[in-house]
Amino acid sequence: MFDAIDRDHSGSLSLQELRYHFQQAEHPLSEDELNFAFASMDFDNSGEIDFEEFSELLLRHRRLISRLDQFSKYFIPIDANEDGVLTPQEMNVVLASVDESPLSQDELTFLRQRIGGKDLTWERFLELLLVV
């Protein structure tokens, strides 16, 4: 997958290559979403995503998918008022219950921007976790 995205065969992914990949996959992201996703993958802030950074993202994605059942089991009891909406505090409880780090301030800001003032439902939360 890395090689398919690395169109110039430089051994690293640029923002432009990532943009092109999402457009070709018919999953275009807004400029803000793309920049956030790129920055989230560019762990060393080099301006490029190398194979190790890309691999780390894939591992995180696999961990989240493999724990999807666990996330679902924990959602119902955590949503104490059963309104179907997750608050930041509820999200961090879910993440901690499966040994994941709490959401950073940048991630919380991104979530707020991404959902545009709407309630964060369980489905929206999982979509955001798996995409970013």
N, C-alpha and C. Protein backbone atom coordinates (compact mmCIF):
# COMPACT_ATOMS: atom_id res chain seq x y z
N MET A 1 0.83 -1.18 0.00
CA MET A 1 0.00 0.00 0.00
C MET A 1 0.88 1.26 0.00
N PHE A 2 1.94 1.25 0.83
CA PHE A 2 2.85 2.39 0.90
C PHE A 2 3.40 2.71 -0.49
N ASP A 3 3.87 1.68 -1.17
CA ASP A 3 4.46 1.88 -2.50
C ASP A 3 3.45 2.44 -3.50
N ALA A 4 2.21 2.04 -3.36
CA ALA A 4 1.17 2.54 -4.27
C ALA A 4 0.91 4.03 -4.05
N ILE A 5 1.02 4.48 -2.81
CA ILE A 5 0.79 5.89 -2.50
C ILE A 5 2.02 6.73 -2.86
N ASP A 6 3.21 6.13 -2.71
CA ASP A 6 4.48 6.82 -2.99
C ASP A 6 4.69 6.90 -4.50
N ARG A 7 4.00 7.83 -5.13
CA ARG A 7 3.99 7.93 -6.60
C ARG A 7 5.34 8.29 -7.19
N ASP A 8 6.16 9.05 -6.46
CA ASP A 8 7.47 9.42 -7.01
C ASP A 8 8.58 8.47 -6.59
N HIS A 9 8.22 7.42 -5.86
CA HIS A 9 9.16 6.37 -5.42
C HIS A 9 10.34 6.92 -4.64
N SER A 10 10.07 7.93 -3.81
CA SER A 10 11.12 8.56 -3.01
C SER A 10 11.37 7.83 -1.69
N GLY A 11 10.49 6.90 -1.33
CA GLY A 11 10.62 6.21 -0.05
C GLY A 11 9.92 6.93 1.08
N SER A 12 9.22 8.01 0.75
CA SER A 12 8.42 8.72 1.75
C SER A 12 7.20 9.31 1.06
N LEU A 13 6.20 9.63 1.86
CA LEU A 13 4.96 10.16 1.32
C LEU A 13 4.86 11.66 1.59
N SER A 14 4.50 12.40 0.57
CA SER A 14 4.29 13.84 0.72
C SER A 14 2.80 14.11 0.95
N LEU A 15 2.52 15.32 1.35
CA LEU A 15 1.13 15.73 1.53
C LEU A 15 0.37 15.61 0.20
N GLN A 16 1.02 15.97 -0.88
CA GLN A 16 0.38 15.89 -2.19
C GLN A 16 0.06 14.45 -2.57
N GLU A 17 0.97 13.53 -2.27
CA GLU A 17 0.73 12.12 -2.58
C GLU A 17 -0.43 11.58 -1.75
N LEU A 18 -0.50 11.99 -0.49
CA LEU A 18 -1.60 11.54 0.36
C LEU A 18 -2.93 12.11 -0.14
N ARG A 19 -2.93 13.38 -0.52
CA ARG A 19 -4.13 14.01 -1.07
C ARG A 19 -4.60 13.23 -2.31
N TYR A 20 -3.68 12.96 -3.21
CA TYR A 20 -4.00 12.24 -4.44
C TYR A 20 -4.59 10.86 -4.12
N HIS A 21 -3.99 10.17 -3.16
CA HIS A 21 -4.47 8.83 -2.79
C HIS A 21 -5.93 8.89 -2.31
N PHE A 22 -6.23 9.83 -1.42
CA PHE A 22 -7.60 9.92 -0.90
C PHE A 22 -8.58 10.30 -2.01
N GLN A 23 -8.15 11.15 -2.92
CA GLN A 23 -9.03 11.51 -4.04
C GLN A 23 -9.29 10.30 -4.93
N GLN A 24 -8.27 9.52 -5.23
CA GLN A 24 -8.42 8.34 -6.07
C GLN A 24 -9.26 7.27 -5.39
N ALA A 25 -9.17 7.20 -4.07
CA ALA A 25 -9.94 6.22 -3.31
C ALA A 25 -11.38 6.68 -3.10
N GLU A 26 -11.74 7.80 -3.73
CA GLU A 26 -13.07 8.37 -3.59
C GLU A 26 -13.44 8.61 -2.15
N HIS A 27 -12.44 9.06 -1.40
CA HIS A 27 -12.64 9.42 0.00
C HIS A 27 -11.91 10.75 0.25
N PRO A 28 -12.31 11.79 -0.50
CA PRO A 28 -11.60 13.06 -0.36
C PRO A 28 -11.79 13.65 1.04
N LEU A 29 -10.74 14.25 1.53
CA LEU A 29 -10.77 14.91 2.83
C LEU A 29 -10.70 16.41 2.60
N SER A 30 -11.26 17.16 3.55
CA SER A 30 -11.10 18.61 3.47
C SER A 30 -9.62 18.93 3.70
N GLU A 31 -9.21 20.13 3.38
CA GLU A 31 -7.81 20.53 3.58
C GLU A 31 -7.43 20.41 5.06
N ASP A 32 -8.33 20.81 5.96
CA ASP A 32 -8.05 20.69 7.40
C ASP A 32 -7.90 19.24 7.82
N GLU A 33 -8.79 18.38 7.34
CA GLU A 33 -8.71 16.96 7.68
C GLU A 33 -7.43 16.34 7.14
N LEU A 34 -7.09 16.69 5.91
CA LEU A 34 -5.88 16.16 5.30
C LEU A 34 -4.64 16.62 6.07
N ASN A 35 -4.58 17.89 6.39
CA ASN A 35 -3.44 18.41 7.15
C ASN A 35 -3.33 17.75 8.52
N PHE A 36 -4.48 17.56 9.19
CA PHE A 36 -4.46 16.91 10.50
C PHE A 36 -4.00 15.46 10.36
N ALA A 37 -4.54 14.75 9.39
CA ALA A 37 -4.15 13.35 9.18
C ALA A 37 -2.66 13.25 8.89
N PHE A 38 -2.17 14.13 8.03
CA PHE A 38 -0.75 14.10 7.67
C PHE A 38 0.11 14.38 8.90
N ALA A 39 -0.24 15.41 9.66
CA ALA A 39 0.53 15.75 10.86
C ALA A 39 0.48 14.62 11.88
N SER A 40 -0.64 13.92 11.95
CA SER A 40 -0.78 12.80 12.89
C SER A 40 0.13 11.64 12.52
N MET A 41 0.43 11.49 11.24
CA MET A 41 1.29 10.40 10.78
C MET A 41 2.76 10.80 10.75
N ASP A 42 3.04 12.08 10.61
CA ASP A 42 4.42 12.57 10.50
C ASP A 42 4.98 12.77 11.91
N PHE A 43 5.31 11.66 12.57
CA PHE A 43 5.73 11.69 13.97
C PHE A 43 6.98 12.52 14.21
N ASP A 44 7.90 12.54 13.27
CA ASP A 44 9.16 13.28 13.47
C ASP A 44 9.11 14.69 12.88
N ASN A 45 7.94 15.11 12.42
CA ASN A 45 7.73 16.46 11.87
C ASN A 45 8.71 16.80 10.75
N SER A 46 9.03 15.82 9.92
CA SER A 46 9.97 16.02 8.83
C SER A 46 9.31 16.60 7.58
N GLY A 47 7.98 16.62 7.58
CA GLY A 47 7.27 17.07 6.39
C GLY A 47 7.01 15.95 5.40
N GLU A 48 7.41 14.74 5.78
CA GLU A 48 7.18 13.54 4.96
C GLU A 48 6.83 12.38 5.89
N ILE A 49 6.14 11.41 5.35
CA ILE A 49 5.79 10.21 6.11
C ILE A 49 6.64 9.07 5.57
N ASP A 50 7.52 8.55 6.42
CA ASP A 50 8.35 7.44 5.97
C ASP A 50 7.64 6.12 6.23
N PHE A 51 8.24 5.04 5.81
CA PHE A 51 7.61 3.73 5.92
C PHE A 51 7.32 3.36 7.37
N GLU A 52 8.24 3.67 8.29
CA GLU A 52 8.02 3.36 9.71
C GLU A 52 6.81 4.10 10.25
N GLU A 53 6.69 5.37 9.93
CA GLU A 53 5.54 6.15 10.39
C GLU A 53 4.25 5.60 9.81
N PHE A 54 4.27 5.25 8.56
CA PHE A 54 3.10 4.68 7.90
C PHE A 54 2.72 3.35 8.54
N SER A 55 3.73 2.53 8.83
CA SER A 55 3.49 1.23 9.46
C SER A 55 2.87 1.39 10.83
N GLU A 56 3.31 2.39 11.58
CA GLU A 56 2.74 2.66 12.90
C GLU A 56 1.26 2.99 12.79
N LEU A 57 0.91 3.76 11.79
CA LEU A 57 -0.50 4.09 11.57
C LEU A 57 -1.31 2.83 11.29
N LEU A 58 -0.78 1.95 10.43
CA LEU A 58 -1.49 0.71 10.11
C LEU A 58 -1.65 -0.17 11.34
N LEU A 59 -0.63 -0.23 12.18
CA LEU A 59 -0.73 -1.02 13.41
C LEU A 59 -1.81 -0.46 14.32
N ARG A 60 -1.87 0.86 14.45
CA ARG A 60 -2.90 1.47 15.28
C ARG A 60 -4.28 1.16 14.72
N HIS A 61 -4.42 1.25 13.43
CA HIS A 61 -5.69 0.94 12.77
C HIS A 61 -6.11 -0.50 13.06
N ARG A 62 -5.17 -1.42 12.93
CA ARG A 62 -5.47 -2.84 13.19
C ARG A 62 -5.86 -3.06 14.65
N ARG A 63 -5.15 -2.40 15.57
CA ARG A 63 -5.49 -2.53 17.00
C ARG A 63 -6.90 -2.05 17.25
N LEU A 64 -7.26 -0.91 16.68
CA LEU A 64 -8.61 -0.38 16.88
C LEU A 64 -9.65 -1.32 16.30
N ILE A 65 -9.42 -1.83 15.11
CA ILE A 65 -10.38 -2.76 14.49
C ILE A 65 -10.49 -4.04 15.31
N SER A 66 -9.35 -4.55 15.78
CA SER A 66 -9.40 -5.79 16.55
C SER A 66 -10.12 -5.62 17.88
N ARG A 67 -10.20 -4.39 18.35
CA ARG A 67 -10.86 -4.13 19.63
C ARG A 67 -12.25 -3.53 19.45
N LEU A 68 -12.76 -3.57 18.26
CA LEU A 68 -14.06 -2.98 17.99
C LEU A 68 -15.14 -3.57 18.88
N ASP A 69 -15.12 -4.88 19.06
CA ASP A 69 -16.10 -5.52 19.95
C ASP A 69 -15.96 -5.01 21.37
N GLN A 70 -14.71 -4.85 21.83
CA GLN A 70 -14.49 -4.32 23.18
C GLN A 70 -15.03 -2.90 23.28
N PHE A 71 -14.74 -2.07 22.29
CA PHE A 71 -15.26 -0.71 22.31
C PHE A 71 -16.78 -0.73 22.42
N SER A 72 -17.43 -1.58 21.63
CA SER A 72 -18.89 -1.65 21.65
C SER A 72 -19.41 -2.08 23.01
N LYS A 73 -18.75 -3.06 23.62
CA LYS A 73 -19.18 -3.54 24.95
C LYS A 73 -19.12 -2.43 25.98
N TYR A 74 -18.10 -1.59 25.88
CA TYR A 74 -17.91 -0.54 26.87
C TYR A 74 -18.78 0.68 26.62
N PHE A 75 -19.24 0.86 25.41
CA PHE A 75 -20.01 2.06 25.10
C PHE A 75 -21.32 2.12 25.88
N ILE A 76 -22.06 1.03 25.88
CA ILE A 76 -23.38 1.05 26.50
C ILE A 76 -23.31 1.43 27.98
N PRO A 77 -22.44 0.80 28.80
CA PRO A 77 -22.39 1.22 30.20
C PRO A 77 -21.83 2.63 30.39
N ILE A 78 -20.95 3.07 29.51
CA ILE A 78 -20.34 4.39 29.67
C ILE A 78 -21.33 5.49 29.32
N ASP A 79 -22.19 5.24 28.39
CA ASP A 79 -23.22 6.22 28.03
C ASP A 79 -24.32 6.14 29.08
N ALA A 80 -23.99 6.63 30.28
CA ALA A 80 -24.84 6.45 31.45
C ALA A 80 -26.27 6.94 31.24
N ASN A 81 -26.42 8.05 30.55
CA ASN A 81 -27.78 8.56 30.35
C ASN A 81 -28.44 7.98 29.09
N GLU A 82 -27.73 7.08 28.42
CA GLU A 82 -28.24 6.37 27.24
C GLU A 82 -28.81 7.30 26.18
N ASP A 83 -28.13 8.44 26.00
CA ASP A 83 -28.60 9.38 24.98
C ASP A 83 -27.95 9.15 23.62
N GLY A 84 -27.01 8.18 23.54
CA GLY A 84 -26.35 7.87 22.28
C GLY A 84 -25.26 8.85 21.89
N VAL A 85 -24.88 9.73 22.80
CA VAL A 85 -23.88 10.76 22.53
C VAL A 85 -22.69 10.56 23.45
N LEU A 86 -21.49 10.70 22.89
CA LEU A 86 -20.26 10.59 23.68
C LEU A 86 -19.71 11.97 24.01
N THR A 87 -19.40 12.17 25.28
CA THR A 87 -18.70 13.39 25.69
C THR A 87 -17.20 13.08 25.68
N PRO A 88 -16.34 14.10 25.70
CA PRO A 88 -14.90 13.83 25.76
C PRO A 88 -14.52 12.96 26.96
N GLN A 89 -15.15 13.18 28.08
CA GLN A 89 -14.86 12.37 29.26
C GLN A 89 -15.23 10.91 29.03
N GLU A 90 -16.38 10.67 28.42
CA GLU A 90 -16.81 9.31 28.12
C GLU A 90 -15.86 8.65 27.12
N MET A 91 -15.40 9.41 26.13
CA MET A 91 -14.47 8.85 25.15
C MET A 91 -13.18 8.40 25.81
N ASN A 92 -12.66 9.21 26.72
CA ASN A 92 -11.41 8.85 27.39
C ASN A 92 -11.57 7.64 28.29
N VAL A 93 -12.73 7.46 28.88
CA VAL A 93 -12.99 6.26 29.68
C VAL A 93 -12.95 5.03 28.78
N VAL A 94 -13.58 5.12 27.60
CA VAL A 94 -13.57 4.01 26.64
C VAL A 94 -12.15 3.68 26.23
N LEU A 95 -11.38 4.69 25.87
CA LEU A 95 -10.00 4.47 25.42
C LEU A 95 -9.16 3.85 26.53
N ALA A 96 -9.29 4.34 27.75
CA ALA A 96 -8.52 3.80 28.87
C ALA A 96 -8.89 2.35 29.15
N SER A 97 -10.14 2.00 28.93
CA SER A 97 -10.60 0.64 29.23
C SER A 97 -9.95 -0.41 28.33
N VAL A 98 -9.42 0.02 27.19
CA VAL A 98 -8.74 -0.91 26.28
C VAL A 98 -7.26 -0.51 26.12
N ASP A 99 -6.73 0.11 27.17
CA ASP A 99 -5.31 0.47 27.24
C ASP A 99 -4.83 1.40 26.13
N GLU A 100 -5.68 2.29 25.70
CA GLU A 100 -5.28 3.32 24.73
C GLU A 100 -5.12 4.65 25.48
N SER A 101 -4.31 5.52 24.94
CA SER A 101 -4.08 6.83 25.53
C SER A 101 -5.32 7.69 25.40
N PRO A 102 -5.51 8.62 26.37
CA PRO A 102 -6.64 9.55 26.23
C PRO A 102 -6.42 10.45 25.02
N LEU A 103 -7.48 11.04 24.56
CA LEU A 103 -7.40 11.95 23.42
C LEU A 103 -6.59 13.19 23.81
N SER A 104 -5.70 13.59 22.93
CA SER A 104 -4.91 14.80 23.16
C SER A 104 -5.77 16.03 22.90
N GLN A 105 -5.27 17.18 23.30
CA GLN A 105 -6.00 18.42 23.04
C GLN A 105 -6.18 18.64 21.54
N ASP A 106 -5.14 18.32 20.75
CA ASP A 106 -5.25 18.45 19.29
C ASP A 106 -6.33 17.53 18.73
N GLU A 107 -6.42 16.31 19.26
CA GLU A 107 -7.44 15.37 18.78
C GLU A 107 -8.84 15.86 19.16
N LEU A 108 -8.97 16.40 20.37
CA LEU A 108 -10.27 16.94 20.79
C LEU A 108 -10.68 18.12 19.91
N THR A 109 -9.72 18.99 19.61
CA THR A 109 -10.00 20.13 18.72
C THR A 109 -10.42 19.63 17.35
N PHE A 110 -9.70 18.63 16.83
CA PHE A 110 -10.04 18.06 15.54
C PHE A 110 -11.45 17.47 15.57
N LEU A 111 -11.79 16.74 16.63
CA LEU A 111 -13.12 16.14 16.74
C LEU A 111 -14.20 17.22 16.70
N ARG A 112 -13.97 18.28 17.46
CA ARG A 112 -14.96 19.37 17.48
C ARG A 112 -15.14 19.97 16.09
N GLN A 113 -14.01 20.18 15.39
CA GLN A 113 -14.09 20.74 14.04
C GLN A 113 -14.76 19.75 13.08
N ARG A 114 -14.41 18.50 13.21
CA ARG A 114 -14.89 17.46 12.29
C ARG A 114 -16.39 17.27 12.38
N ILE A 115 -16.93 17.33 13.61
CA ILE A 115 -18.36 17.09 13.77
C ILE A 115 -19.18 18.37 13.65
N GLY A 116 -18.50 19.50 13.53
CA GLY A 116 -19.18 20.76 13.24
C GLY A 116 -20.28 21.12 14.20
N GLY A 117 -20.05 20.91 15.48
CA GLY A 117 -21.04 21.29 16.48
C GLY A 117 -22.15 20.27 16.69
N LYS A 118 -22.14 19.20 15.91
CA LYS A 118 -23.15 18.15 16.09
C LYS A 118 -22.75 17.26 17.25
N ASP A 119 -23.71 16.49 17.72
CA ASP A 119 -23.41 15.51 18.76
C ASP A 119 -22.50 14.43 18.20
N LEU A 120 -21.60 13.96 19.03
CA LEU A 120 -20.70 12.89 18.61
C LEU A 120 -21.33 11.56 19.00
N THR A 121 -21.89 10.89 18.01
CA THR A 121 -22.48 9.58 18.26
C THR A 121 -21.38 8.53 18.24
N TRP A 122 -21.71 7.35 18.70
CA TRP A 122 -20.77 6.24 18.72
C TRP A 122 -20.24 5.96 17.31
N GLU A 123 -21.12 5.96 16.32
CA GLU A 123 -20.71 5.67 14.94
C GLU A 123 -19.74 6.72 14.42
N ARG A 124 -20.04 7.99 14.67
CA ARG A 124 -19.13 9.06 14.23
C ARG A 124 -17.78 8.94 14.92
N PHE A 125 -17.79 8.61 16.21
CA PHE A 125 -16.54 8.46 16.97
C PHE A 125 -15.66 7.38 16.36
N LEU A 126 -16.23 6.22 16.08
CA LEU A 126 -15.44 5.13 15.49
C LEU A 126 -14.93 5.48 14.11
N GLU A 127 -15.75 6.13 13.31
CA GLU A 127 -15.29 6.56 11.99
C GLU A 127 -14.07 7.46 12.11
N LEU A 128 -14.13 8.40 13.02
CA LEU A 128 -13.02 9.33 13.20
C LEU A 128 -11.77 8.62 13.70
N LEU A 129 -11.94 7.69 14.62
CA LEU A 129 -10.78 6.95 15.13
C LEU A 129 -10.12 6.13 14.04
N LEU A 130 -10.91 5.50 13.22
CA LEU A 130 -10.35 4.62 12.20
C LEU A 130 -9.77 5.39 11.03
N VAL A 131 -10.30 6.54 10.73
CA VAL A 131 -9.75 7.33 9.63
C VAL A 131 -8.46 8.00 10.05
N VAL A 132 -8.42 8.59 11.25
CA VAL A 132 -7.23 9.28 11.71
C VAL A 132 -6.41 8.32 12.46
